[in-house]
Each structure stands twice: as C-alpha cells, then as structure tokens.
Amino acid sequence: MAKNYIQPGEVWDHTPGSNVSAGSVVLMGEVVGVALADITANQTGPVQVSGVWELPKLSTDVVTQGATLYWDAANTRLTVTAGSLKVAGAAVTAAGSGATSVRVKLRGNCA
C-alpha cells in the first residue's frame, strides 16, 4: 500500500480567524465547506467539503435543479448570480422565489 496516502478528502482541517458555528458555511480560498462542529477562532476544526446540504439562498432567486450556485459570503447565502463569487456547487432540488433555502451538492475538494 502507498505510504503517502493521507485521507479521503471529504473533511478538511481548518483554522478560522474568528469563531465558526457548526453548520455554518466556511470559505477556504476557492472551496466552500460546512463546519461539522463549533470551531473556536485560531483553533483547528473539521469542515466538510462534499455532500448535500440545505443552505440559505437569496429568497428572490429562482433555482432550477442542477443550477450552479455561488456563495455570497457578504450576505451569507447562496445565489444563482456568479459575479466574483465562489462556486459552491449544484442545486439538488429546485427552489422558487420566496424560498429561503435550497439543497446543494457541494462542489467538492477540487477548486
């Protein structure tokens, strides 16, 4: 067996500059993940970078199944508008105008 294998890569260790609550979205460079536990500032904690998550979205966006979703860190929500935002993943379910959340398959651990 190869001796340089580290881990599957679905969960990354992350050291945030401020406190992060479990279930909160964490932006790590180009990668969007979700904190699996509360992480205290300047301490290392687990962040999942794969899987399907229900996350907040811009309520006026109409999201179709399979649409690319972007993380708007300034407003802590997903949107269908790219701009300079980071790709979070793809919509697993549709979510119409008025919906405040959507299920998203995170893009994964490759930026």
C-alpha atoms as a PDB file:
ATOM      1  CA  MET A   1       0.000   0.000   0.000  1.00  0.00           C
ATOM      2  CA  ALA A   2       1.165   3.525  -0.747  1.00  0.00           C
ATOM      3  CA  LYS A   3       2.666   5.255   2.271  1.00  0.00           C
ATOM      4  CA  ASN A   4       1.911   8.809   1.171  1.00  0.00           C
ATOM      5  CA  TYR A   5      -1.913   8.496   1.344  1.00  0.00           C
ATOM      6  CA  ILE A   6      -3.343  10.925   3.918  1.00  0.00           C
ATOM      7  CA  GLN A   7      -7.176  10.829   3.907  1.00  0.00           C
ATOM      8  CA  PRO A   8     -10.232  10.586   1.595  1.00  0.00           C
ATOM      9  CA  GLY A   9     -10.505  14.394   1.471  1.00  0.00           C
ATOM     10  CA  GLU A  10     -14.192  14.958   2.244  1.00  0.00           C
ATOM     11  CA  VAL A  11     -13.313  16.676   5.531  1.00  0.00           C
ATOM     12  CA  TRP A  12     -10.591  19.288   5.821  1.00  0.00           C
ATOM     13  CA  ASP A  13      -8.945  20.613   8.959  1.00  0.00           C
ATOM     14  CA  HIS A  14      -9.465  24.380   9.059  1.00  0.00           C
ATOM     15  CA  THR A  15      -8.243  27.111  11.416  1.00  0.00           C
ATOM     16  CA  PRO A  16     -10.560  30.137  11.166  1.00  0.00           C
ATOM     17  CA  GLY A  17      -9.645  33.662  12.273  1.00  0.00           C
ATOM     18  CA  SER A  18     -12.979  34.005  14.094  1.00  0.00           C
ATOM     19  CA  ASN A  19     -15.437  31.647  15.774  1.00  0.00           C
ATOM     20  CA  VAL A  20     -17.465  29.411  13.449  1.00  0.00           C
ATOM     21  CA  SER A  21     -20.675  27.639  14.475  1.00  0.00           C
ATOM     22  CA  ALA A  22     -21.455  24.067  13.449  1.00  0.00           C
ATOM     23  CA  GLY A  23     -23.465  24.086  10.229  1.00  0.00           C
ATOM     24  CA  SER A  24     -22.047  27.420   9.066  1.00  0.00           C
ATOM     25  CA  VAL A  25     -20.537  27.806   5.627  1.00  0.00           C
ATOM     26  CA  VAL A  26     -16.774  28.250   5.555  1.00  0.00           C
ATOM     27  CA  LEU A  27     -14.938  29.670   2.555  1.00  0.00           C
ATOM     28  CA  MET A  28     -11.400  28.335   2.191  1.00  0.00           C
ATOM     29  CA  GLY A  29      -9.832  30.003  -0.826  1.00  0.00           C
ATOM     30  CA  GLU A  30     -11.914  28.721  -3.758  1.00  0.00           C
ATOM     31  CA  VAL A  31     -13.548  25.920  -1.753  1.00  0.00           C
ATOM     32  CA  VAL A  32     -16.875  26.142   0.073  1.00  0.00           C
ATOM     33  CA  GLY A  33     -17.450  23.808   3.018  1.00  0.00           C
ATOM     34  CA  VAL A  34     -19.648  23.408   6.073  1.00  0.00           C
ATOM     35  CA  ALA A  35     -18.301  23.338   9.643  1.00  0.00           C
ATOM     36  CA  LEU A  36     -19.096  19.992  11.266  1.00  0.00           C
ATOM     37  CA  ALA A  37     -18.603  21.345  14.787  1.00  0.00           C
ATOM     38  CA  ASP A  38     -18.195  24.676  16.523  1.00  0.00           C
ATOM     39  CA  ILE A  39     -14.669  25.923  15.808  1.00  0.00           C
ATOM     40  CA  THR A  40     -13.071  28.486  18.092  1.00  0.00           C
ATOM     41  CA  ALA A  41     -11.004  31.243  16.483  1.00  0.00           C
ATOM     42  CA  ASN A  42      -7.415  30.171  15.807  1.00  0.00           C
ATOM     43  CA  GLN A  43      -8.203  26.535  16.658  1.00  0.00           C
ATOM     44  CA  THR A  44      -8.417  23.713  14.126  1.00  0.00           C
ATOM     45  CA  GLY A  45     -11.741  22.045  13.395  1.00  0.00           C
ATOM     46  CA  PRO A  46     -13.449  19.853  10.775  1.00  0.00           C
ATOM     47  CA  VAL A  47     -15.059  21.287   7.630  1.00  0.00           C
ATOM     48  CA  GLN A  48     -16.943  19.024   5.191  1.00  0.00           C
ATOM     49  CA  VAL A  49     -16.293  19.920   1.536  1.00  0.00           C
ATOM     50  CA  SER A  50     -18.630  17.382  -0.073  1.00  0.00           C
ATOM     51  CA  GLY A  51     -22.141  16.033   0.258  1.00  0.00           C
ATOM     52  CA  VAL A  52     -25.609  17.559   0.057  1.00  0.00           C
ATOM     53  CA  TRP A  53     -26.513  20.373   2.448  1.00  0.00           C
ATOM     54  CA  GLU A  54     -29.536  22.601   2.933  1.00  0.00           C
ATOM     55  CA  LEU A  55     -28.220  26.158   2.979  1.00  0.00           C
ATOM     56  CA  PRO A  56     -29.731  29.654   2.877  1.00  0.00           C
ATOM     57  CA  LYS A  57     -30.361  31.237  -0.513  1.00  0.00           C
ATOM     58  CA  LEU A  58     -31.343  34.644  -1.840  1.00  0.00           C
ATOM     59  CA  SER A  59     -35.129  34.494  -1.481  1.00  0.00           C
ATOM     60  CA  THR A  60     -35.792  36.211  -4.811  1.00  0.00           C
ATOM     61  CA  ASP A  61     -33.665  33.741  -6.809  1.00  0.00           C
ATOM     62  CA  VAL A  62     -35.457  31.051  -8.806  1.00  0.00           C
ATOM     63  CA  VAL A  63     -33.232  27.990  -8.621  1.00  0.00           C
ATOM     64  CA  THR A  64     -33.697  25.101 -11.031  1.00  0.00           C
ATOM     65  CA  GLN A  65     -32.486  21.598 -10.228  1.00  0.00           C
ATOM     66  CA  GLY A  66     -28.880  21.276 -11.351  1.00  0.00           C
ATOM     67  CA  ALA A  67     -28.234  25.022 -11.436  1.00  0.00           C
ATOM     68  CA  THR A  68     -24.787  26.219 -10.398  1.00  0.00           C
ATOM     69  CA  LEU A  69     -24.925  28.023  -7.044  1.00  0.00           C
ATOM     70  CA  TYR A  70     -22.436  30.583  -5.748  1.00  0.00           C
ATOM     71  CA  TRP A  71     -21.622  31.514  -2.153  1.00  0.00           C
ATOM     72  CA  ASP A  72     -22.253  35.160  -1.291  1.00  0.00           C
ATOM     73  CA  ALA A  73     -20.112  35.456   1.849  1.00  0.00           C
ATOM     74  CA  ALA A  74     -21.064  39.097   2.442  1.00  0.00           C
ATOM     75  CA  ASN A  75     -24.732  38.134   2.754  1.00  0.00           C
ATOM     76  CA  THR A  76     -24.187  34.523   3.977  1.00  0.00           C
ATOM     77  CA  ARG A  77     -26.359  32.875   1.329  1.00  0.00           C
ATOM     78  CA  LEU A  78     -26.325  31.066  -1.987  1.00  0.00           C
ATOM     79  CA  THR A  79     -27.269  32.761  -5.240  1.00  0.00           C
ATOM     80  CA  VAL A  80     -27.501  31.914  -8.924  1.00  0.00           C
ATOM     81  CA  THR A  81     -25.619  35.112  -9.826  1.00  0.00           C
ATOM     82  CA  ALA A  82     -21.913  34.462 -10.301  1.00  0.00           C
ATOM     83  CA  GLY A  83     -20.234  37.873 -10.249  1.00  0.00           C
ATOM     84  CA  SER A  84     -16.965  37.447  -8.360  1.00  0.00           C
ATOM     85  CA  LEU A  85     -18.439  34.831  -6.010  1.00  0.00           C
ATOM     86  CA  LYS A  86     -17.074  31.329  -5.440  1.00  0.00           C
ATOM     87  CA  VAL A  87     -18.833  28.268  -6.859  1.00  0.00           C
ATOM     88  CA  ALA A  88     -20.484  26.351  -4.024  1.00  0.00           C
ATOM     89  CA  GLY A  89     -21.984  23.508  -6.045  1.00  0.00           C
ATOM     90  CA  ALA A  90     -25.138  22.419  -7.857  1.00  0.00           C
ATOM     91  CA  ALA A  91     -28.766  22.620  -6.751  1.00  0.00           C
ATOM     92  CA  VAL A  92     -30.080  19.169  -5.858  1.00  0.00           C
ATOM     93  CA  THR A  93     -33.631  20.498  -5.683  1.00  0.00           C
ATOM     94  CA  ALA A  94     -35.436  23.394  -7.285  1.00  0.00           C
ATOM     95  CA  ALA A  95     -36.308  26.362  -5.050  1.00  0.00           C
ATOM     96  CA  GLY A  96     -38.608  29.107  -6.243  1.00  0.00           C
ATOM     97  CA  SER A  97     -38.871  32.758  -5.402  1.00  0.00           C
ATOM     98  CA  GLY A  98     -39.801  33.129  -1.752  1.00  0.00           C
ATOM     99  CA  ALA A  99     -37.847  30.037  -0.659  1.00  0.00           C
ATOM    100  CA  THR A 100     -35.090  30.920   1.780  1.00  0.00           C
ATOM    101  CA  SER A 101     -33.038  27.729   1.443  1.00  0.00           C
ATOM    102  CA  VAL A 102     -32.028  25.141  -1.141  1.00  0.00           C
ATOM    103  CA  ARG A 103     -30.284  21.770  -1.121  1.00  0.00           C
ATOM    104  CA  VAL A 104     -26.878  21.989  -2.721  1.00  0.00           C
ATOM    105  CA  LYS A 105     -24.326  19.321  -3.621  1.00  0.00           C
ATOM    106  CA  LEU A 106     -21.055  20.940  -2.634  1.00  0.00           C
ATOM    107  CA  ARG A 107     -18.562  21.232  -5.441  1.00  0.00           C
ATOM    108  CA  GLY A 108     -16.074  19.135  -3.552  1.00  0.00           C
ATOM    109  CA  ASN A 109     -12.474  19.403  -2.635  1.00  0.00           C
ATOM    110  CA  CYS A 110     -11.160  20.491  -6.027  1.00  0.00           C
ATOM    111  CA  ALA A 111     -11.287  24.178  -6.853  1.00  0.00           C
END
